[in-house]
Protein backbone atom coordinates (compact mmCIF):
# COMPACT_ATOMS: atom_id res chain seq x y z
CA MET A 1 14.65 5.23 -14.81
CA ASN A 2 11.56 7.12 -15.97
CA ASP A 3 9.38 4.92 -13.66
CA GLU A 4 10.99 5.34 -10.31
CA LYS A 5 11.24 9.32 -11.14
CA ASN A 6 7.47 9.32 -11.33
CA MET A 7 6.67 7.10 -8.67
CA LEU A 8 9.00 9.30 -6.52
CA LYS A 9 6.86 12.40 -7.66
CA LEU A 10 4.00 10.60 -5.67
CA GLN A 11 6.16 11.47 -2.04
CA ASN A 12 4.60 14.59 -0.21
CA GLY A 13 7.00 14.37 3.07
CA SER A 14 6.06 11.12 4.77
CA ASP A 15 2.74 10.43 2.89
CA VAL A 16 1.80 9.39 -0.85
CA ARG A 17 -0.32 12.01 -2.81
CA GLY A 18 -1.43 12.16 -6.23
CA VAL A 19 -4.05 12.68 -8.91
CA ALA A 20 -6.57 9.62 -8.43
CA MET A 21 -8.95 10.63 -11.04
CA GLU A 22 -9.97 13.03 -13.51
CA GLY A 23 -12.17 16.12 -13.43
CA ILE A 24 -9.96 19.02 -13.03
CA GLU A 25 -8.47 20.09 -16.26
CA GLY A 26 -4.40 20.22 -16.26
CA GLU A 27 -4.27 17.20 -13.91
CA GLU A 28 -3.49 14.08 -15.30
CA VAL A 29 -3.89 10.88 -12.97
CA ASN A 30 -1.01 9.21 -11.50
CA LEU A 31 -2.04 7.58 -8.52
CA THR A 32 -3.79 4.56 -10.74
CA PRO A 33 -4.98 1.32 -8.90
CA ALA A 34 -2.06 -0.14 -10.72
CA VAL A 35 0.14 2.17 -8.89
CA VAL A 36 -1.34 1.59 -5.62
CA ASN A 37 -1.15 -1.67 -5.95
CA ARG A 38 2.69 -1.90 -6.27
CA ILE A 39 3.11 0.47 -3.62
CA ALA A 40 1.02 -1.94 -1.06
CA GLY A 41 3.26 -4.62 -2.35
CA ALA A 42 6.43 -2.91 -1.55
CA PHE A 43 5.09 -2.15 1.57
CA VAL A 44 4.72 -5.57 2.59
CA ARG A 45 7.93 -6.21 1.43
CA TRP A 46 9.42 -3.43 3.72
CA LEU A 47 7.77 -4.85 6.18
CA GLU A 48 9.71 -8.12 5.77
CA LYS A 49 12.82 -6.52 6.00
CA ARG A 50 11.92 -4.14 9.21
CA THR A 51 10.11 -6.95 11.38
CA GLY A 52 12.14 -9.95 10.24
CA LYS A 53 8.97 -12.12 9.80
CA PRO A 54 8.01 -13.80 6.53
CA ALA A 55 4.89 -12.30 4.75
CA HIS A 56 2.76 -15.21 5.50
CA ASP A 57 3.06 -14.02 9.31
CA LEU A 58 1.99 -10.64 8.63
CA THR A 59 -1.02 -8.57 8.66
CA VAL A 60 -1.63 -5.62 6.99
CA ALA A 61 -5.03 -3.70 7.55
CA VAL A 62 -6.15 -0.98 5.00
CA GLY A 63 -9.09 1.83 5.23
CA ASN A 64 -10.05 4.56 3.50
CA ASP A 65 -11.74 7.88 3.67
CA SER A 66 -15.04 8.82 1.29
CA ARG A 67 -12.99 10.00 -1.33
CA LEU A 68 -14.43 8.48 -4.71
CA THR A 69 -11.52 6.79 -5.49
CA ALA A 70 -11.55 4.67 -2.08
CA ASP A 71 -12.68 1.71 -3.33
CA PRO A 72 -11.05 0.69 -6.44
CA LEU A 73 -7.76 2.04 -4.54
CA ARG A 74 -8.35 -0.16 -1.37
CA PHE A 75 -9.09 -3.13 -3.74
CA GLU A 76 -5.88 -3.10 -5.38
CA ALA A 77 -3.96 -2.67 -2.08
CA LEU A 78 -5.79 -5.78 -0.81
CA GLN A 79 -4.71 -7.35 -3.72
CA ALA A 80 -1.22 -6.95 -3.45
CA ILE A 81 -0.90 -7.49 0.02
CA THR A 82 -2.81 -11.05 -0.28
CA ALA A 83 -0.71 -11.69 -3.59
CA SER A 84 2.49 -11.07 -1.10
CA GLY A 85 1.37 -13.90 0.87
CA ALA A 86 0.14 -11.65 3.98
CA ARG A 87 -3.05 -11.58 5.69
CA ALA A 88 -4.66 -8.59 4.45
CA LEU A 89 -7.77 -7.02 6.97
CA ASP A 90 -10.26 -4.68 5.22
CA CYS A 91 -11.43 -1.95 7.24
CA GLY A 92 -13.53 0.02 4.68
CA LEU A 93 -14.34 3.40 5.85
CA ALA A 94 -12.35 4.25 8.47
CA SER A 95 -10.11 7.35 9.98
CA THR A 96 -6.44 7.56 10.08
CA PRO A 97 -6.10 7.67 13.50
CA ALA A 98 -8.36 4.25 14.05
CA MET A 99 -5.92 2.68 10.91
CA PHE A 100 -2.88 3.12 13.70
CA MET A 101 -4.85 1.86 16.63
CA SER A 102 -5.40 -1.15 14.20
CA ILE A 103 -1.71 -2.19 15.08
CA LEU A 104 -2.80 -1.92 18.94
CA PHE A 105 -6.10 -3.55 19.16
CA ASP A 106 -6.14 -7.08 20.32
CA GLU A 107 -8.69 -8.25 17.85
CA THR A 108 -6.97 -6.91 14.69
CA LYS A 109 -2.84 -6.77 15.65
CA ALA A 110 -1.73 -5.99 12.50
CA ASP A 111 1.81 -5.44 11.46
CA GLY A 112 1.59 -2.25 9.70
CA SER A 113 -1.71 -0.48 8.11
CA ILE A 114 -2.25 1.84 5.37
CA MET A 115 -4.59 4.91 5.09
CA MET A 116 -6.31 5.88 1.72
CA THR A 117 -6.58 9.61 2.32
CA ALA A 118 -5.41 13.02 0.74
CA SER A 119 -6.74 14.61 3.72
CA HIS A 120 -9.01 17.83 2.45
CA LEU A 121 -6.99 18.19 -0.73
CA PRO A 122 -10.12 18.18 -3.80
CA PHE A 123 -11.87 15.48 -4.97
CA ASN A 124 -9.81 14.22 -7.58
CA ARG A 125 -6.97 13.34 -5.10
CA ASN A 126 -6.22 10.46 -3.06
CA GLY A 127 -3.17 9.13 -1.25
CA MET A 128 -1.58 6.76 1.16
CA LYS A 129 -0.21 7.12 5.08
CA PHE A 130 1.35 3.91 6.44
CA PHE A 131 1.63 3.13 9.85
CA THR A 132 3.92 0.49 11.82
CA LYS A 133 3.72 0.54 16.12
CA ASP A 134 6.23 2.70 16.16
CA GLY A 135 3.96 5.25 14.32
CA GLY A 136 3.81 6.79 10.95
CA LEU A 137 6.54 6.38 8.61
CA GLU A 138 9.12 9.12 7.90
CA LYS A 139 10.14 10.54 4.81
CA ALA A 140 13.37 8.70 3.94
CA ASP A 141 10.58 5.11 4.81
CA ILE A 142 8.39 6.93 1.79
CA LYS A 143 11.08 7.52 -0.66
CA GLU A 144 12.46 3.51 0.27
CA LEU A 145 8.86 2.28 -0.39
CA LEU A 146 8.52 4.36 -3.85
CA THR A 147 11.69 3.44 -5.20
CA ASN A 148 10.99 -0.65 -4.23
CA ALA A 149 7.62 0.02 -5.97
CA ALA A 150 8.85 1.15 -9.11
CA ALA A 151 10.48 -2.14 -9.43
CA LEU A 152 7.42 -4.08 -8.88
CA GLU A 153 4.36 -5.22 -11.36
CA PRO A 154 0.89 -5.37 -10.04
CA GLN A 155 0.01 -8.58 -8.68
CA SER A 156 -3.39 -10.16 -8.29
CA SER A 157 -4.79 -12.93 -6.02
CA ASP A 158 -7.72 -15.20 -5.52
CA ARG A 159 -7.18 -15.14 -1.85
CA THR A 160 -9.49 -12.72 -0.11
CA ALA A 161 -9.10 -10.06 2.42
CA HIS A 162 -10.92 -10.42 5.97
CA PRO A 163 -13.67 -7.98 6.44
CA CYS A 164 -12.69 -5.90 9.64
CA ALA A 165 -15.28 -3.80 11.55
CA LEU A 166 -12.49 -1.37 12.72
CA ILE A 167 -14.75 1.62 12.88
CA THR A 168 -16.85 -0.02 15.56
CA ARG A 169 -14.37 -1.19 17.93
CA TYR A 170 -12.35 2.24 17.08
CA ALA A 171 -15.76 4.23 18.73
CA ARG A 172 -15.71 1.97 21.49
CA PHE A 173 -12.29 2.75 22.12
CA LEU A 174 -13.09 6.45 22.47
CA ARG A 175 -16.26 5.87 24.33
CA GLU A 176 -14.03 3.94 26.96
CA LYS A 177 -11.70 7.10 27.21
CA ILE A 178 -14.90 9.59 27.75
CA ARG A 179 -16.23 7.25 30.41
CA GLU A 180 -12.79 6.63 32.05
CA GLY A 181 -11.97 10.34 31.53
CA ILE A 182 -15.03 11.69 33.41
CA GLY A 183 -14.76 8.97 36.19
CA THR A 184 -18.01 7.39 35.79
CA GLU A 185 -19.53 4.20 34.94
CA ASP A 186 -22.60 6.07 33.95
CA ALA A 187 -23.46 4.47 30.68
CA GLN A 188 -24.57 7.90 29.38
CA PRO A 189 -22.21 10.51 30.84
CA LEU A 190 -22.78 12.97 28.56
CA LYS A 191 -26.57 13.32 28.92
CA GLY A 192 -27.73 16.83 29.28
CA MET A 193 -24.95 18.20 26.86
CA HIS A 194 -26.02 19.01 23.51
CA ILE A 195 -22.62 18.74 20.84
CA VAL A 196 -23.25 19.71 17.15
CA VAL A 197 -20.46 17.33 14.85
CA ASP A 198 -19.58 18.51 11.23
CA ALA A 199 -18.15 15.82 9.46
CA GLY A 200 -17.87 17.94 6.15
CA ASN A 201 -18.60 14.45 4.26
CA GLY A 202 -15.95 12.79 5.44
CA ALA A 203 -14.92 10.05 7.50
CA GLY A 204 -15.93 11.58 11.04
CA GLY A 205 -19.36 11.09 10.80
CA PHE A 206 -19.20 8.13 13.39
CA PHE A 207 -18.20 10.44 16.00
CA ALA A 208 -21.16 11.74 16.69
CA THR A 209 -23.46 8.45 15.92
CA GLU A 210 -21.40 6.36 17.43
CA VAL A 211 -19.44 8.02 19.96
CA LEU A 212 -21.61 10.80 21.14
CA GLU A 213 -25.39 9.60 20.72
CA PRO A 214 -24.31 6.17 23.09
CA LEU A 215 -23.12 8.25 25.63
CA GLY A 216 -26.27 10.42 25.98
CA ALA A 217 -25.20 13.62 24.31
CA ASP A 218 -27.97 15.18 22.22
CA ILE A 219 -26.53 15.04 18.44
CA SER A 220 -29.53 16.73 16.68
CA GLY A 221 -28.03 19.78 14.38
CA SER A 222 -25.17 17.61 13.48
CA GLN A 223 -24.27 18.34 9.69
CA PHE A 224 -22.71 16.25 6.66
CA LEU A 225 -22.30 13.16 8.62
CA GLU A 226 -22.78 10.95 5.35
CA PRO A 227 -19.39 10.29 3.54
CA ASP A 228 -19.54 11.62 0.28
CA GLY A 229 -16.27 12.11 -1.81
CA HIS A 230 -17.80 15.20 -3.63
CA PHE A 231 -17.74 16.83 -0.72
CA PRO A 232 -20.88 19.27 -2.06
CA ASN A 233 -21.27 21.42 1.15
CA HIS A 234 -17.98 22.72 2.02
CA ILE A 235 -14.23 21.50 1.99
CA PRO A 236 -13.59 19.33 4.77
CA ASN A 237 -10.94 21.47 6.50
CA PRO A 238 -11.07 23.18 10.00
CA GLU A 239 -8.63 25.90 8.84
CA ASN A 240 -11.25 26.72 5.92
CA LYS A 241 -13.16 29.82 6.51
CA GLU A 242 -16.55 28.46 4.86
CA ALA A 243 -16.12 25.47 6.93
CA MET A 244 -15.80 26.95 10.26
CA GLU A 245 -18.33 29.36 9.36
CA SER A 246 -20.89 26.47 8.57
CA ILE A 247 -20.63 24.81 12.20
CA GLN A 248 -20.66 28.27 13.97
CA SER A 249 -24.15 28.70 12.45
CA ALA A 250 -24.93 25.21 13.37
CA VAL A 251 -24.19 25.72 16.93
CA ARG A 252 -25.78 29.22 17.40
CA LYS A 253 -28.91 27.64 15.46
CA ASN A 254 -29.51 24.36 17.56
CA GLU A 255 -28.44 26.33 20.43
CA ALA A 256 -25.75 23.72 21.34
CA ASP A 257 -23.07 23.45 24.13
CA LEU A 258 -20.20 22.64 21.74
CA GLY A 259 -19.64 22.15 18.43
CA LEU A 260 -16.67 19.65 16.90
CA ILE A 261 -15.54 20.05 13.23
CA PHE A 262 -12.94 17.28 11.38
CA ASP A 263 -11.32 17.17 8.45
CA THR A 264 -11.75 14.15 5.68
CA ASP A 265 -10.09 11.43 7.46
CA VAL A 266 -10.36 12.81 11.08
CA ASP A 267 -6.54 13.40 12.27
CA ARG A 268 -7.44 17.04 12.46
CA MET A 269 -10.21 18.71 14.62
CA SER A 270 -11.43 22.41 16.05
CA ALA A 271 -13.97 23.16 17.93
CA VAL A 272 -16.94 25.77 18.53
CA LEU A 273 -18.16 27.04 21.84
CA SER A 274 -22.02 27.67 22.68
CA ASP A 275 -21.32 31.58 21.74
CA GLY A 276 -20.09 30.46 18.63
CA ARG A 277 -16.51 31.54 19.19
CA GLU A 278 -14.05 29.20 17.40
CA ILE A 279 -11.54 27.01 19.22
CA CYS A 280 -8.77 26.58 16.74
CA ARG A 281 -5.29 27.74 16.24
CA ASN A 282 -4.03 29.46 19.08
CA ALA A 283 -7.13 28.95 20.73
CA LEU A 284 -7.18 24.96 20.31
CA ILE A 285 -3.35 24.87 21.55
CA ALA A 286 -4.12 26.98 24.51
CA MET A 287 -7.33 25.03 25.30
CA MET A 288 -5.71 21.65 25.06
CA ALA A 289 -2.48 22.94 26.99
CA ALA A 290 -4.98 24.01 29.94
CA ILE A 291 -6.87 21.02 29.95
CA LEU A 292 -3.38 19.06 30.13
CA ALA A 293 -1.64 21.23 32.22
CA PRO A 294 -2.74 20.20 35.83
CA ASP A 295 -1.55 16.78 35.29
CA TYR A 296 1.98 17.62 33.56
CA PRO A 297 2.81 21.20 35.93
CA GLY A 298 5.62 22.61 34.10
CA SER A 299 5.77 20.68 30.88
CA THR A 300 6.71 21.76 27.87
CA ILE A 301 4.03 22.11 24.63
CA VAL A 302 5.45 21.79 21.19
CA THR A 303 4.01 23.69 18.66
CA ASP A 304 4.85 24.82 15.10
CA SER A 305 6.62 28.13 14.18
CA VAL A 306 3.72 30.63 13.03
CA THR A 307 1.82 30.83 16.73
CA SER A 308 1.14 33.92 18.14
CA ASP A 309 3.48 35.65 21.41
CA GLU A 310 0.12 35.88 22.52
CA LEU A 311 -0.18 32.38 23.23
CA THR A 312 3.39 32.19 24.78
CA VAL A 313 2.61 34.24 27.51
CA PHE A 314 -0.57 32.44 28.34
CA LEU A 315 1.15 28.54 28.16
CA GLU A 316 3.99 30.16 30.19
CA LYS A 317 2.71 32.99 32.21
CA GLU A 318 -0.79 31.75 32.61
CA LEU A 319 0.02 28.05 33.03
CA GLY A 320 3.16 28.08 34.19
CA LEU A 321 4.32 25.61 31.25
CA LYS A 322 7.03 26.37 28.41
CA HIS A 323 6.32 26.97 25.12
CA HIS A 324 8.85 25.16 22.20
CA ARG A 325 8.03 26.90 19.01
CA PHE A 326 9.62 24.04 16.85
CA GLN A 327 8.81 24.05 12.50
CA ARG A 328 5.80 23.58 10.66
CA GLY A 329 4.70 20.32 9.57
CA TYR A 330 2.97 17.94 11.98
CA LYS A 331 5.77 15.07 11.81
CA ASN A 332 8.36 17.47 12.69
CA VAL A 333 6.24 18.75 15.71
CA ILE A 334 5.42 15.24 17.02
CA ASN A 335 9.09 13.77 16.56
CA GLU A 336 10.35 16.84 18.14
CA SER A 337 7.81 16.04 21.22
CA ILE A 338 9.22 12.65 21.04
CA ARG A 339 12.82 13.66 21.36
CA LEU A 340 12.01 15.84 24.40
CA ASP A 341 10.27 13.28 25.96
CA LYS A 342 13.22 10.93 25.54
CA GLU A 343 15.51 13.20 26.73
CA GLY A 344 13.49 13.82 29.97
CA VAL A 345 11.86 16.60 29.26
CA VAL A 346 8.31 15.89 29.79
CA SER A 347 6.23 16.72 26.64
CA PRO A 348 2.61 15.98 26.52
CA LEU A 349 1.39 17.91 23.48
CA ALA A 350 2.69 18.45 20.07
CA ILE A 351 0.01 20.37 18.00
CA GLU A 352 0.15 22.27 15.05
CA THR A 353 -2.05 25.77 14.21
CA SER A 354 -3.87 23.46 11.51
CA GLY A 355 -5.37 21.13 14.03
CA HIS A 356 -3.19 18.26 14.06
CA GLY A 357 -2.29 18.06 17.87
CA ALA A 358 -0.75 14.27 19.21
CA LEU A 359 -0.52 13.81 23.10
CA SER A 360 2.41 11.55 24.76
CA GLU A 361 -1.12 9.59 26.55
CA ASN A 362 -2.23 8.20 23.07
CA TYR A 363 1.08 7.01 21.34
CA TYR A 364 1.91 10.58 20.07
CA LEU A 365 -0.49 9.83 17.40
CA ASP A 366 -2.22 13.02 15.78
CA ASP A 367 -5.72 12.04 16.11
CA GLY A 368 -8.89 14.83 15.69
CA ALA A 369 -11.11 12.43 17.87
CA PHE A 370 -8.93 11.99 20.66
CA LEU A 371 -8.44 15.76 20.70
CA ALA A 372 -12.19 15.78 20.65
CA VAL A 373 -12.47 13.26 23.62
CA LYS A 374 -10.42 15.34 25.83
CA LEU A 375 -12.13 18.78 25.03
CA LEU A 376 -15.39 16.49 25.71
CA ILE A 377 -14.06 15.16 29.33
CA ALA A 378 -13.43 18.78 30.11
CA ALA A 379 -16.65 20.03 29.04
CA ALA A 380 -18.68 17.55 30.81
CA LYS A 381 -16.51 18.37 34.13
CA LEU A 382 -17.40 21.77 33.51
CA HIS A 383 -20.93 21.53 32.78
CA ASN A 384 -21.70 19.78 36.16
CA GLU A 385 -19.59 22.44 37.70
CA GLY A 386 -22.03 25.14 35.76
CA LYS A 387 -19.35 26.36 33.65
CA ASP A 388 -18.20 25.92 29.95
CA LEU A 389 -14.78 25.47 28.04
CA GLY A 390 -14.56 29.01 27.49
CA SER A 391 -13.31 29.15 31.09
CA LEU A 392 -10.15 27.50 30.51
CA VAL A 393 -8.91 30.37 27.92
CA ALA A 394 -10.94 33.11 28.98
CA THR A 395 -7.26 35.09 29.87
CA LEU A 396 -5.87 34.34 26.02
CA LYS A 397 -5.29 37.15 24.13
CA GLU A 398 -5.38 37.29 20.54
CA PRO A 399 -3.65 39.53 17.62
CA ALA A 400 -5.29 42.25 16.17
CA GLU A 401 -4.50 41.45 12.93
CA SER A 402 -2.84 38.36 11.11
CA LYS A 403 -1.88 37.39 7.37
CA GLU A 404 0.10 35.03 5.50
CA ILE A 405 1.59 35.81 2.14
CA ARG A 406 3.12 33.21 -0.10
CA LEU A 407 6.00 34.53 -1.93
CA PRO A 408 7.42 32.65 -5.17
CA VAL A 409 10.80 31.52 -5.34
CA THR A 410 11.87 32.24 -8.83
CA ALA A 411 15.27 30.78 -9.04
CA GLU A 412 15.84 27.22 -10.33
CA ASP A 413 17.69 25.68 -7.17
CA ALA A 414 14.76 27.15 -4.88
CA HIS A 415 16.01 25.87 -1.49
CA ALA A 416 19.74 27.15 -1.82
CA ALA A 417 17.63 30.55 -3.33
CA GLY A 418 15.41 30.80 0.01
CA ASP A 419 18.72 30.09 2.45
CA ALA A 420 20.53 32.76 0.81
CA VAL A 421 17.40 34.76 1.58
CA LEU A 422 16.95 34.04 4.99
CA VAL A 423 20.77 34.43 5.28
CA GLU A 424 20.73 38.29 3.87
CA LEU A 425 17.11 39.26 5.69
CA GLU A 426 18.72 38.41 9.09
CA LYS A 427 21.98 40.46 8.19
CA ARG A 428 19.94 43.18 7.11
CA ALA A 429 17.66 43.24 9.92
CA LYS A 430 20.57 43.30 12.00
CA ALA A 431 21.89 45.83 10.54
CA ALA A 432 18.68 48.12 10.84
CA GLY A 433 18.36 47.17 14.63
CA ILE A 434 15.15 45.14 13.94
CA GLY A 435 14.80 42.14 16.92
CA ILE A 436 15.69 38.58 15.79
CA ALA A 437 13.85 35.89 17.81
CA SER A 438 16.27 33.12 18.76
CA PRO A 439 16.23 30.20 19.05
CA SER A 440 14.54 29.91 15.43
CA TYR A 441 14.27 26.53 14.24
CA GLU A 442 12.31 27.60 10.99
CA GLY A 443 13.09 30.65 8.79
CA VAL A 444 13.89 34.31 10.48
CA ARG A 445 11.42 35.59 12.99
CA LEU A 446 11.80 39.80 13.14
CA ILE A 447 10.15 41.47 15.86
CA PHE A 448 8.83 44.89 15.39
CA PRO A 449 7.46 47.32 17.84
CA GLN A 450 4.06 46.17 17.16
CA GLY A 451 4.23 42.53 16.30
CA TRP A 452 6.49 40.47 14.10
CA ALA A 453 6.91 38.27 10.84
CA LEU A 454 8.23 35.18 10.20
CA LEU A 455 9.65 34.49 6.35
CA ARG A 456 10.32 30.66 6.00
CA MET A 457 10.64 28.49 3.20
CA SER A 458 7.92 26.29 2.41
CA LEU A 459 8.31 22.41 3.07
CA HIS A 460 7.00 21.21 -0.15
CA ASP A 461 6.71 24.32 -2.94
CA PRO A 462 8.99 26.55 -4.53
CA LEU A 463 7.85 29.28 -2.26
CA MET A 464 8.23 31.50 1.16
CA PRO A 465 5.50 31.89 3.18
CA MET A 466 5.60 34.86 5.51
CA ASN A 467 3.32 35.24 8.32
CA VAL A 468 3.03 38.82 9.94
CA GLU A 469 0.63 39.28 13.17
CA GLY A 470 -0.03 42.78 14.37
CA ARG A 471 -1.48 43.91 18.14
CA GLU A 472 -3.09 47.03 16.76
CA LYS A 473 -5.20 47.63 13.99
CA GLY A 474 -3.00 48.78 10.78
CA SER A 475 -0.02 47.00 12.12
CA VAL A 476 0.38 44.21 9.81
CA ALA A 477 0.70 46.89 7.02
CA GLU A 478 3.51 48.69 8.26
CA ILE A 479 4.82 45.54 9.14
CA ILE A 480 4.32 44.11 5.36
CA LYS A 481 6.16 47.56 4.32
CA LYS A 482 8.85 47.39 6.38
CA MET A 483 9.47 43.57 5.40
CA ALA A 484 9.01 44.81 1.78
CA GLU A 485 12.17 47.20 2.24
CA LEU A 486 14.26 44.67 3.45
CA LEU A 487 13.92 42.14 0.78
CA ASP A 488 14.00 43.91 -1.75
CA GLY A 489 16.31 43.52 -4.56
CA LEU A 490 17.19 39.90 -3.30
CA GLU A 491 17.84 37.72 -6.13
CA GLY A 492 15.62 34.63 -6.56
CA LEU A 493 12.52 35.94 -4.67
CA ASP A 494 9.26 37.62 -5.76
CA ILE A 495 8.17 40.11 -3.52
CA SER A 496 5.62 41.64 -6.06
CA LYS A 497 2.71 40.70 -3.62
CA LEU A 498 4.11 42.86 -0.64
CA LYS A 499 4.04 45.75 -2.80
């Protein structure tokens, strides 16, 4: 029973994540090679059940990002797969989106795949993401996997995995998409463009050397392309301030046309224009929507809950699209877009402010490299017209100020306490005559004369994040003061950070 409880602690939404090596005080290793072996073995059994195929008819691919524990964990996953009787593909260094594509490529045709990654988390962490032809596994699937893994013993095998140059195949796929999108058979359609890539020492360096350079782009000034799980230069996270400042500096220093920055496993990206302007969060959503709008007029763009009112105005008034502000969590956003599409509501893009973006034309896969491909196609076309990407979002306004404050929930049952706080907040706001956004799919979003505030429950932690945006300097402080008054005295919530 204890073993099952410990296994289930490794669940992080629709992924598995844990501490894979020592190095940070107070963090004990719980994602050992033996644990990975058991989880991979459980995945094979799960695939047997879902596909109706016996293990010896299954192919399972395994890859990893640049983390220090990647090799031993990948080895154990491959051991479990081959010991189960399935055919194992050893993809080595890969990206998360490439691991999904291993299921679709004719050369690989895997029944399932495993990516070893913990995204941008510290060097001592690692994790596992799982895919089938239907996309990433859901939360319930991960719980089932971990429950079953707790009952298994580690397995070893003298059968060998098949080496697979997946990232080379994936890079070719991306190059073909760029040529196709630009509408040319020219072998080097990006000639004359200077593009800087920052891979943050994760798995994304291939995008510069195997996608951009063969297409004729000048990639001089690209940085941190070498895989290094110590992440010695900056956190490989497009949302990280230091990381974004680093790519901005590289673009300016090298007088590049465009900068691209990826997270560790390349399922997220952001960009920098030639003048150093960040294309992230609202701006990235707006730009992707502007690129897609001509092909999907009147369609619905699904985002997470913390996007700005200014983005809504741009999407709906400037582009003629519909903005469906949903929930945090990339799987939530993607699943909502898929649901809408199935119901006949055209939804070509599901995207979070974090840089997770999935397109209907790309299997609703959150793929930072594919977002970059769409940006590059648009950039190349505009370049030929003497314009730049910035023209696509020239009329997008941004809030004057923004802030996120994470408020601890002190009650033992955090989610019940959080729900009670939201009910009372809405009641108090109505009594005070404060506007409440409707519909709201997550938390309570209050509308103030000078901006808005959203209070919601964290997806994973006993916290209630509060996002605030204001249209004028000083307005965020005013809104926070008002929120402190509305939340004062509510049981189970620590609002000391608001005072």
